[in-house]
Amino acid sequence: MVEGGKENDIIETFSNKDIKYVDKINTIIDIKLVGELFLIGIGLTLISSIISMIFISRYTPLKILSNRT
């Protein structure tokens, strides 16, 4: 069993008295940022599509249809 002094030390160590919470976040969203995020999204979509097309192109149509059963 833990002695009373050690238990109080553990409780004080994990207490929330020293935590500083974020109350406010200052952000700026402009058209340039929205455009950049849009381009990143389009780029990731194109990359993932190209990678999937490379893997799919390795199969012949008959092999794909025969594996569906």
Protein backbone atom coordinates (compact mmCIF):
# COMPACT_ATOMS: atom_id res chain seq x y z
CA MET A 1 0.00 0.00 0.00
CA VAL A 2 1.16 3.52 -0.78
CA GLU A 3 1.97 5.81 2.11
CA GLY A 4 -0.16 8.95 2.50
CA GLY A 5 2.69 11.32 1.62
CA LYS A 6 3.56 9.56 -1.60
CA GLU A 7 -0.08 9.39 -2.68
CA ASN A 8 -0.49 13.14 -2.19
CA ASP A 9 2.66 13.76 -4.24
CA ILE A 10 1.24 11.71 -7.11
CA ILE A 11 -2.08 13.55 -6.97
CA GLU A 12 -0.32 16.94 -6.98
CA THR A 13 1.85 15.89 -9.91
CA PHE A 14 -1.15 15.09 -12.08
CA SER A 15 -3.38 17.94 -10.94
CA ASN A 16 -4.69 20.47 -13.48
CA LYS A 17 -3.63 23.62 -11.67
CA ASP A 18 -0.71 24.44 -14.02
CA ILE A 19 -2.47 23.78 -17.33
CA LYS A 20 -3.08 26.79 -19.57
CA TYR A 21 -6.00 26.30 -21.94
CA VAL A 22 -6.28 27.95 -25.34
CA ASP A 23 -9.20 30.37 -25.34
CA LYS A 24 -8.69 32.08 -28.69
CA ILE A 25 -6.98 31.34 -32.00
CA ASN A 26 -6.23 34.14 -34.45
CA THR A 27 -6.50 32.95 -38.06
CA ILE A 28 -6.58 34.60 -41.44
CA ILE A 29 -8.19 32.84 -44.40
CA ASP A 30 -7.82 34.54 -47.73
CA ILE A 31 -8.41 33.52 -51.34
CA LYS A 32 -4.75 32.59 -51.83
CA LEU A 33 -4.87 30.04 -48.99
CA VAL A 34 -8.14 28.57 -50.28
CA GLY A 35 -6.60 28.26 -53.75
CA GLU A 36 -3.50 26.54 -52.42
CA LEU A 37 -5.59 24.05 -50.44
CA PHE A 38 -7.72 23.38 -53.52
CA LEU A 39 -4.61 22.72 -55.63
CA ILE A 40 -3.18 20.39 -52.98
CA GLY A 41 -6.46 18.46 -52.93
CA ILE A 42 -6.55 18.17 -56.72
CA GLY A 43 -2.91 17.08 -56.76
CA LEU A 44 -3.48 14.36 -54.19
CA THR A 45 -6.53 13.15 -56.10
CA LEU A 46 -4.56 12.95 -59.34
CA ILE A 47 -1.67 11.10 -57.69
CA SER A 48 -3.95 8.52 -56.10
CA SER A 49 -5.87 8.05 -59.36
CA ILE A 50 -2.69 7.53 -61.36
CA ILE A 51 -1.37 4.99 -58.85
CA SER A 52 -4.63 3.02 -58.92
CA MET A 53 -4.70 3.12 -62.74
CA ILE A 54 -1.17 1.70 -62.85
CA PHE A 55 -2.18 -1.26 -60.67
CA ILE A 56 -5.42 -1.85 -62.59
CA SER A 57 -3.70 -1.71 -65.98
CA ARG A 58 -1.64 -4.78 -65.07
CA TYR A 59 -4.75 -6.95 -65.35
CA THR A 60 -6.51 -7.93 -68.55
CA PRO A 61 -10.30 -7.45 -68.64
CA LEU A 62 -10.95 -11.23 -68.76
CA LYS A 63 -8.81 -11.79 -65.68
CA ILE A 64 -10.68 -9.06 -63.79
CA LEU A 65 -14.05 -10.52 -64.75
CA SER A 66 -12.99 -14.07 -63.85
CA ASN A 67 -11.90 -12.98 -60.35
CA ARG A 68 -15.33 -11.48 -59.56
CA THR A 69 -16.98 -14.86 -58.94
